Amino acid sequence: MVKSQNMKKICIAIHGLAHAGAERVAASWANYLSKEGHDVSIIVYACTEDTYNLDDRVRVVPLADTTEQYFKMPISKKLLCIRKVIKQEKPQVLISFLPKMQISMMLATMGMRIKRIETVRNNPWVDKDVEGKRKLWNLCFRKSDKVVVQTKEQADYFSEAIQKKCVVISNPISKEFYKIQKKYTDDTIKKFVAVARLNTQKNYPMMIRAFAQTVQKYPECTLDIYGGGTPEKQQEIQELICELDMNQNVHLCGWRRDIHKLLPQYDAFLMSSNYEGMPNALAEAMAAGLVCLSTDCRTGPKDMIDHGNNGFLAATGDIDSFAKEIDKIVRMNWQQCAAIGTAAREKIFEMCSEENTLARLKYMIENEL
């Protein structure tokens, strides 16, 4: 372990550590900062099973015995509970993730002398978690010492004064992706994959309808979708697959822990989101060397993909535009695929290098607060 010359007590606040993008980043930050010598704890609503692995030195501090118990608390009791935990942990730096927790942390720590870092994990203009709370959420950033954004575009949401506090830190890529790479050896591009939660933001109906156009021309093409979701959302998507008579071509595969091992088995990656922050799934697919197609949604994809050089972009929400780009991919030869996959891999490893992610976070905490 490398001891920091300016070791600090750091508290990361997030609703939980189950498998999703923000949670993965929170766990990565906690593990790295702990290994660098900082005293790190993570405040969560409650401890749950099947979470990201943490360094043994990282303490997880639950606010309640169960998530349900936490949600049943009146707001005043939640804030008192948070304030009590903060007084016990005595952090010098508080890093808050996601709107609900950010607002709670701001209100609960008023008057306390703590350096506060707020993070932006989604498109700040349309993030659904901000609905009805935007004024309070904006206040979090005005009162913060630093604001971590994933892309330069996200900083445009803020006033000039807040932009001066913004630091661009891309999501770190797991070291597992440095060990794998898709190898293109023939011109048969037919196995497509998508990885994302089954929710409205990801707009799977658009993707599936566009893919149905592909199957009409290339009936051997398949699409495997990995990601969890509510039973209602799963049923909704499955019913669309049946309606389009795509049961033999489109499969809902559920969530998988070993997605890094599965990606190289596919020929191309699809993402159809209406909006994003910096999509981890897209970054991981690019790191795996896959040809990737994403909607040109705000924010993230345009920072990651140079259309036609290291991937492809389609108009957001446009079935025909998305189908056109899929058709372009299917007709590529293996040399073209290999070149685009290699360029994608190089772009992401540069963008998400340790120097530009975890080391940048460490420098900010040790030298800029």
Protein backbone atom coordinates (compact mmCIF):
# COMPACT_ATOMS: atom_id res chain seq x y z
CA MET A 1 0.00 0.00 0.00
CA VAL A 2 1.23 3.47 -0.93
CA LYS A 3 0.75 5.87 1.96
CA SER A 4 -0.63 9.24 0.93
CA GLN A 5 1.27 12.28 2.05
CA ASN A 6 -2.06 13.94 2.76
CA MET A 7 -4.19 11.11 4.09
CA LYS A 8 -7.81 12.04 4.75
CA LYS A 9 -10.97 10.55 6.14
CA ILE A 10 -13.34 10.18 3.22
CA CYS A 11 -16.99 9.22 3.26
CA ILE A 12 -18.82 8.15 0.08
CA ALA A 13 -22.63 8.35 0.21
CA ILE A 14 -24.75 6.28 -2.17
CA HIS A 15 -28.07 4.45 -1.82
CA GLY A 16 -26.48 1.01 -2.18
CA LEU A 17 -23.77 -1.07 -3.83
CA ALA A 18 -25.84 -3.41 -5.98
CA HIS A 19 -24.84 -3.94 -9.60
CA ALA A 20 -25.33 -0.75 -11.64
CA GLY A 21 -23.16 1.99 -13.10
CA ALA A 22 -22.98 4.54 -10.28
CA GLU A 23 -22.52 1.78 -7.71
CA ARG A 24 -19.61 0.30 -9.65
CA VAL A 25 -17.87 3.67 -9.79
CA ALA A 26 -18.45 4.30 -6.07
CA ALA A 27 -16.93 0.92 -5.24
CA SER A 28 -13.96 1.54 -7.56
CA TRP A 29 -13.29 4.93 -6.01
CA ALA A 30 -13.53 3.54 -2.48
CA ASN A 31 -11.17 0.66 -3.20
CA TYR A 32 -8.58 2.86 -4.92
CA LEU A 33 -8.59 5.61 -2.30
CA SER A 34 -8.32 3.04 0.49
CA LYS A 35 -5.34 1.35 -1.19
CA GLU A 36 -3.73 4.78 -1.55
CA GLY A 37 -3.81 5.19 2.23
CA HIS A 38 -7.01 7.16 2.84
CA ASP A 39 -9.52 6.14 5.52
CA VAL A 40 -12.67 5.36 3.51
CA SER A 41 -16.23 4.54 4.52
CA ILE A 42 -19.40 4.18 2.45
CA ILE A 43 -22.81 5.23 3.75
CA VAL A 44 -25.71 3.22 2.25
CA TYR A 45 -29.40 2.92 3.01
CA ALA A 46 -28.88 -0.68 4.12
CA CYS A 47 -26.49 -3.58 3.51
CA THR A 48 -27.68 -5.99 0.83
CA GLU A 49 -26.39 -9.16 -0.80
CA ASP A 50 -24.80 -9.44 -4.26
CA THR A 51 -22.87 -6.18 -4.24
CA TYR A 52 -19.59 -5.07 -5.75
CA ASN A 53 -16.49 -6.36 -3.98
CA LEU A 54 -14.81 -3.93 -1.62
CA ASP A 55 -11.33 -3.72 -0.15
CA ASP A 56 -11.30 -5.09 3.41
CA ARG A 57 -10.26 -1.66 4.69
CA VAL A 58 -13.42 0.05 3.35
CA ARG A 59 -16.14 0.29 5.98
CA VAL A 60 -19.80 0.07 4.92
CA VAL A 61 -22.10 2.04 7.25
CA PRO A 62 -25.84 1.31 6.84
CA LEU A 63 -28.47 3.84 7.85
CA ALA A 64 -31.05 1.11 8.54
CA ASP A 65 -31.31 -2.66 8.83
CA THR A 66 -33.19 -2.92 5.52
CA THR A 67 -33.90 -0.61 2.60
CA GLU A 68 -37.62 -0.90 3.35
CA GLN A 69 -37.01 0.24 6.91
CA TYR A 70 -35.09 3.26 5.68
CA PHE A 71 -37.84 4.30 3.27
CA LYS A 72 -40.46 4.04 6.02
CA MET A 73 -38.63 6.62 8.14
CA PRO A 74 -40.04 10.15 8.10
CA ILE A 75 -37.73 12.67 6.43
CA SER A 76 -36.76 14.25 9.74
CA LYS A 77 -35.66 10.89 11.18
CA LYS A 78 -33.64 10.10 8.03
CA LEU A 79 -31.78 13.40 8.29
CA LEU A 80 -31.09 12.93 12.01
CA CYS A 81 -29.84 9.41 11.32
CA ILE A 82 -27.49 10.64 8.59
CA ARG A 83 -26.21 13.48 10.77
CA LYS A 84 -25.51 11.03 13.61
CA VAL A 85 -23.52 8.75 11.29
CA ILE A 86 -21.55 11.68 9.88
CA LYS A 87 -20.66 12.82 13.41
CA GLN A 88 -19.46 9.30 14.19
CA GLU A 89 -17.40 8.95 11.02
CA LYS A 90 -15.99 12.51 11.18
CA PRO A 91 -15.09 12.67 7.46
CA GLN A 92 -12.98 15.50 6.12
CA VAL A 93 -14.35 14.85 2.62
CA LEU A 94 -17.88 13.79 1.71
CA ILE A 95 -18.56 12.46 -1.81
CA SER A 96 -22.27 12.10 -2.66
CA PHE A 97 -23.75 10.06 -5.49
CA LEU A 98 -27.18 10.45 -7.12
CA PRO A 99 -29.84 13.12 -6.48
CA LYS A 100 -31.81 11.68 -3.54
CA MET A 101 -28.71 10.92 -1.51
CA GLN A 102 -27.07 14.21 -2.51
CA ILE A 103 -30.03 16.24 -1.27
CA SER A 104 -30.27 14.23 1.97
CA MET A 105 -26.55 14.65 2.64
CA MET A 106 -26.66 18.38 1.99
CA LEU A 107 -29.60 18.93 4.35
CA ALA A 108 -28.25 16.60 7.05
CA THR A 109 -24.77 18.15 7.15
CA MET A 110 -25.71 21.83 7.18
CA GLY A 111 -23.36 23.77 9.45
CA MET A 112 -20.75 20.97 9.52
CA ARG A 113 -17.22 21.72 8.37
CA ILE A 114 -16.79 19.11 5.65
CA LYS A 115 -15.38 19.46 2.15
CA ARG A 116 -18.16 18.32 -0.17
CA ILE A 117 -17.81 16.74 -3.61
CA GLU A 118 -20.96 16.31 -5.69
CA THR A 119 -21.04 13.95 -8.65
CA VAL A 120 -23.08 13.93 -11.86
CA ARG A 121 -23.89 10.38 -12.99
CA ASN A 122 -26.55 10.98 -15.64
CA ASN A 123 -27.80 13.61 -18.07
CA PRO A 124 -28.44 16.52 -15.65
CA TRP A 125 -31.05 18.16 -17.90
CA VAL A 126 -33.46 15.19 -17.88
CA ASP A 127 -32.42 12.89 -15.00
CA LYS A 128 -35.73 11.43 -13.77
CA ASP A 129 -34.46 11.23 -10.18
CA VAL A 130 -34.39 15.04 -10.08
CA GLU A 131 -38.08 15.52 -10.91
CA GLY A 132 -39.76 17.70 -8.29
CA LYS A 133 -36.48 18.33 -6.49
CA ARG A 134 -34.45 20.30 -9.03
CA LYS A 135 -34.10 23.47 -6.93
CA LEU A 136 -32.75 21.49 -3.97
CA TRP A 137 -30.49 19.45 -6.25
CA ASN A 138 -29.07 22.59 -7.85
CA LEU A 139 -28.41 23.95 -4.36
CA CYS A 140 -26.23 20.90 -3.65
CA PHE A 141 -23.84 22.00 -6.39
CA ARG A 142 -23.83 25.66 -5.34
CA LYS A 143 -22.82 24.64 -1.82
CA SER A 144 -20.23 22.07 -2.95
CA ASP A 145 -16.46 22.50 -3.02
CA LYS A 146 -16.00 20.41 -6.18
CA VAL A 147 -18.30 18.93 -8.83
CA VAL A 148 -17.22 15.78 -10.64
CA VAL A 149 -18.73 15.40 -14.12
CA GLN A 150 -18.19 12.46 -16.47
CA THR A 151 -17.99 14.51 -19.68
CA LYS A 152 -17.33 18.12 -20.64
CA GLU A 153 -20.88 18.38 -21.98
CA GLN A 154 -22.36 17.77 -18.52
CA ALA A 155 -20.58 20.85 -17.16
CA ASP A 156 -22.61 23.00 -19.59
CA TYR A 157 -25.66 22.40 -17.40
CA PHE A 158 -24.20 24.61 -14.67
CA SER A 159 -23.68 28.33 -14.22
CA GLU A 160 -20.28 29.81 -14.94
CA ALA A 161 -19.51 29.96 -11.22
CA ILE A 162 -20.19 26.23 -10.73
CA GLN A 163 -18.33 25.32 -13.92
CA LYS A 164 -15.18 26.67 -12.29
CA LYS A 165 -15.58 23.95 -9.64
CA CYS A 166 -16.18 21.18 -12.21
CA VAL A 167 -13.61 18.42 -12.76
CA VAL A 168 -14.03 15.92 -15.61
CA ILE A 169 -13.35 12.39 -14.39
CA SER A 170 -14.43 9.58 -16.69
CA ASN A 171 -15.62 6.26 -15.31
CA PRO A 172 -12.75 3.84 -14.66
CA ILE A 173 -12.62 0.64 -16.71
CA SER A 174 -12.22 -2.61 -14.81
CA LYS A 175 -8.82 -4.25 -15.28
CA GLU A 176 -10.68 -7.34 -16.49
CA PHE A 177 -11.25 -5.59 -19.82
CA TYR A 178 -7.53 -5.10 -20.42
CA LYS A 179 -7.19 -8.89 -20.64
CA ILE A 180 -9.81 -9.50 -23.34
CA GLN A 181 -10.28 -8.41 -26.94
CA LYS A 182 -12.68 -9.43 -29.68
CA LYS A 183 -10.90 -11.19 -32.55
CA TYR A 184 -12.60 -10.74 -35.94
CA THR A 185 -11.69 -13.56 -38.33
CA ASP A 186 -14.51 -13.71 -40.89
CA ASP A 187 -17.09 -11.51 -42.57
CA THR A 188 -20.13 -13.02 -40.85
CA ILE A 189 -21.47 -10.27 -38.58
CA LYS A 190 -24.66 -11.64 -37.08
CA LYS A 191 -24.40 -11.88 -33.26
CA PHE A 192 -25.46 -8.62 -31.56
CA VAL A 193 -25.51 -7.85 -27.84
CA ALA A 194 -26.98 -5.14 -25.59
CA VAL A 195 -26.22 -4.62 -21.90
CA ALA A 196 -28.36 -2.29 -19.77
CA ARG A 197 -31.19 -2.23 -17.26
CA LEU A 198 -34.62 -2.88 -18.68
CA ASN A 199 -36.11 0.56 -18.15
CA THR A 200 -37.60 3.42 -20.14
CA GLN A 201 -34.32 5.37 -20.33
CA LYS A 202 -32.67 2.58 -22.37
CA ASN A 203 -35.51 2.54 -24.97
CA TYR A 204 -35.31 -1.15 -25.83
CA PRO A 205 -38.57 -1.01 -27.85
CA MET A 206 -36.83 1.25 -30.38
CA MET A 207 -33.82 -1.07 -30.58
CA ILE A 208 -35.99 -4.17 -31.02
CA ARG A 209 -38.14 -2.56 -33.72
CA ALA A 210 -35.01 -1.47 -35.59
CA PHE A 211 -33.52 -4.94 -35.21
CA ALA A 212 -36.72 -6.42 -36.64
CA GLN A 213 -35.93 -4.55 -39.87
CA THR A 214 -32.48 -6.14 -39.84
CA VAL A 215 -33.93 -9.63 -39.39
CA GLN A 216 -36.20 -9.16 -42.40
CA LYS A 217 -33.06 -8.78 -44.56
CA TYR A 218 -30.71 -11.01 -42.54
CA PRO A 219 -32.79 -13.69 -40.75
CA GLU A 220 -29.68 -15.29 -39.23
CA CYS A 221 -28.97 -12.21 -37.05
CA THR A 222 -29.58 -12.50 -33.30
CA LEU A 223 -29.68 -10.05 -30.39
CA ASP A 224 -29.02 -11.07 -26.78
CA ILE A 225 -30.06 -8.50 -24.15
CA TYR A 226 -28.39 -8.65 -20.72
CA GLY A 227 -29.85 -6.65 -17.85
CA GLY A 228 -32.29 -6.81 -14.97
CA GLY A 229 -35.59 -5.03 -14.62
CA THR A 230 -38.97 -5.16 -12.96
CA PRO A 231 -41.24 -8.09 -13.87
CA GLU A 232 -43.59 -5.58 -15.51
CA LYS A 233 -40.85 -4.15 -17.74
CA GLN A 234 -39.57 -7.61 -18.65
CA GLN A 235 -43.08 -8.67 -19.63
CA GLU A 236 -43.59 -5.49 -21.68
CA ILE A 237 -40.41 -6.08 -23.68
CA GLN A 238 -41.08 -9.80 -24.09
CA GLU A 239 -44.57 -9.07 -25.40
CA LEU A 240 -43.08 -6.73 -28.03
CA ILE A 241 -40.63 -9.45 -29.07
CA CYS A 242 -43.55 -11.85 -29.50
CA GLU A 243 -45.64 -9.25 -31.32
CA LEU A 244 -42.85 -8.77 -33.86
CA ASP A 245 -42.38 -12.55 -34.16
CA MET A 246 -38.76 -12.21 -33.03
CA ASN A 247 -38.59 -15.00 -30.42
CA GLN A 248 -35.96 -16.86 -32.43
CA ASN A 249 -33.82 -13.75 -32.88
CA VAL A 250 -34.08 -11.59 -29.71
CA HIS A 251 -33.47 -13.06 -26.26
CA LEU A 252 -33.75 -11.55 -22.77
CA CYS A 253 -30.82 -13.10 -20.89
CA GLY A 254 -31.07 -11.41 -17.48
CA TRP A 255 -28.22 -9.86 -15.52
CA ARG A 256 -24.79 -11.52 -15.62
CA ARG A 257 -21.78 -10.93 -13.40
CA ASP A 258 -19.33 -12.25 -16.02
CA ILE A 259 -20.26 -9.91 -18.88
CA HIS A 260 -16.56 -9.27 -19.62
CA LYS A 261 -16.18 -12.93 -20.54
CA LEU A 262 -19.27 -12.91 -22.75
CA LEU A 263 -18.68 -9.78 -24.83
CA PRO A 264 -15.93 -11.20 -27.09
CA GLN A 265 -18.36 -13.93 -28.19
CA TYR A 266 -20.43 -11.29 -30.01
CA ASP A 267 -19.86 -9.36 -33.22
CA ALA A 268 -21.34 -5.97 -32.33
CA PHE A 269 -22.84 -4.01 -29.42
CA LEU A 270 -26.04 -1.92 -29.48
CA MET A 271 -27.22 0.89 -27.16
CA SER A 272 -30.49 2.73 -27.77
CA SER A 273 -30.72 5.08 -24.77
CA ASN A 274 -32.81 8.26 -24.74
CA TYR A 275 -30.23 9.86 -22.44
CA GLU A 276 -27.12 8.84 -20.51
CA GLY A 277 -24.35 10.10 -18.27
CA MET A 278 -21.27 8.25 -19.44
CA PRO A 279 -22.57 4.76 -20.22
CA ASN A 280 -20.44 2.08 -18.57
CA ALA A 281 -21.81 -0.69 -20.80
CA LEU A 282 -20.79 1.17 -23.95
CA ALA A 283 -17.33 1.90 -22.53
CA GLU A 284 -16.86 -1.77 -21.63
CA ALA A 285 -17.98 -2.96 -25.07
CA MET A 286 -15.55 -0.54 -26.71
CA ALA A 287 -12.80 -1.69 -24.34
CA ALA A 288 -13.52 -5.27 -25.43
CA GLY A 289 -12.87 -4.22 -29.03
CA LEU A 290 -16.42 -4.66 -30.31
CA VAL A 291 -17.96 -2.62 -33.12
CA CYS A 292 -20.45 -0.43 -31.24
CA LEU A 293 -23.59 1.44 -32.26
CA SER A 294 -25.22 3.95 -29.92
CA THR A 295 -27.86 6.62 -30.18
CA ASP A 296 -26.32 10.09 -30.23
CA CYS A 297 -28.06 10.88 -26.97
CA ARG A 298 -27.06 13.50 -24.43
CA THR A 299 -24.62 12.92 -22.70
CA GLY A 300 -21.66 10.61 -23.25
CA PRO A 301 -21.75 8.72 -26.57
CA LYS A 302 -20.51 11.61 -28.72
CA ASP A 303 -17.52 12.01 -26.36
CA MET A 304 -16.73 8.33 -26.77
CA ILE A 305 -17.58 7.56 -30.41
CA ASP A 306 -16.13 9.27 -33.47
CA HIS A 307 -18.78 8.18 -35.98
CA GLY A 308 -17.40 5.87 -38.64
CA ASN A 309 -13.91 5.70 -37.10
CA ASN A 310 -14.27 3.90 -33.77
CA GLY A 311 -18.01 3.15 -33.79
CA PHE A 312 -21.33 4.43 -35.05
CA LEU A 313 -24.01 6.89 -33.87
CA ALA A 314 -27.70 6.97 -34.80
CA ALA A 315 -30.34 9.64 -34.18
CA THR A 316 -31.90 9.30 -30.74
CA GLY A 317 -35.30 7.59 -30.80
CA ASP A 318 -35.20 7.10 -34.59
CA ILE A 319 -35.97 3.49 -35.57
CA ASP A 320 -35.01 3.91 -39.23
CA SER A 321 -31.72 5.67 -38.41
CA PHE A 322 -30.78 2.91 -35.97
CA ALA A 323 -31.75 0.18 -38.45
CA LYS A 324 -29.67 1.86 -41.17
CA GLU A 325 -26.56 1.79 -38.99
CA ILE A 326 -27.13 -1.87 -38.03
CA ASP A 327 -27.38 -2.69 -41.75
CA LYS A 328 -24.07 -0.90 -42.31
CA ILE A 329 -22.42 -3.01 -39.62
CA VAL A 330 -23.79 -6.31 -40.97
CA ARG A 331 -22.29 -5.54 -44.40
CA MET A 332 -18.78 -4.79 -43.04
CA ASN A 333 -15.90 -7.20 -43.64
CA TRP A 334 -13.77 -8.54 -40.82
CA GLN A 335 -10.87 -6.16 -41.54
CA GLN A 336 -13.17 -3.14 -41.18
CA CYS A 337 -14.62 -4.53 -37.96
CA ALA A 338 -11.17 -5.22 -36.54
CA ALA A 339 -9.98 -1.69 -37.35
CA ILE A 340 -13.01 -0.04 -35.74
CA GLY A 341 -12.84 -2.36 -32.71
CA THR A 342 -9.17 -1.59 -32.18
CA ALA A 343 -9.79 2.17 -32.48
CA ALA A 344 -12.64 1.90 -29.97
CA ARG A 345 -10.42 0.03 -27.52
CA GLU A 346 -7.65 2.63 -27.81
CA LYS A 347 -10.08 5.53 -27.32
CA ILE A 348 -11.60 4.11 -24.15
CA PHE A 349 -8.30 3.07 -22.60
CA GLU A 350 -7.05 6.63 -23.12
CA MET A 351 -10.27 8.27 -21.90
CA CYS A 352 -10.66 5.93 -18.93
CA SER A 353 -7.00 5.46 -18.02
CA GLU A 354 -6.07 5.44 -14.36
CA GLU A 355 -4.32 8.78 -14.88
CA ASN A 356 -7.56 10.37 -16.12
CA THR A 357 -9.86 8.68 -13.61
CA LEU A 358 -8.69 7.32 -10.26
CA ALA A 359 -5.39 9.21 -10.10
CA ARG A 360 -7.20 12.43 -11.06
CA LEU A 361 -9.69 11.85 -8.22
CA LYS A 362 -6.85 11.28 -5.75
CA TYR A 363 -5.03 14.44 -6.86
CA MET A 364 -8.20 16.51 -6.49
CA ILE A 365 -8.84 15.26 -2.96
CA GLU A 366 -5.24 15.65 -1.80
CA ASN A 367 -4.32 18.91 -3.51
CA GLU A 368 -7.43 20.88 -4.53
CA LEU A 369 -9.64 20.75 -1.42
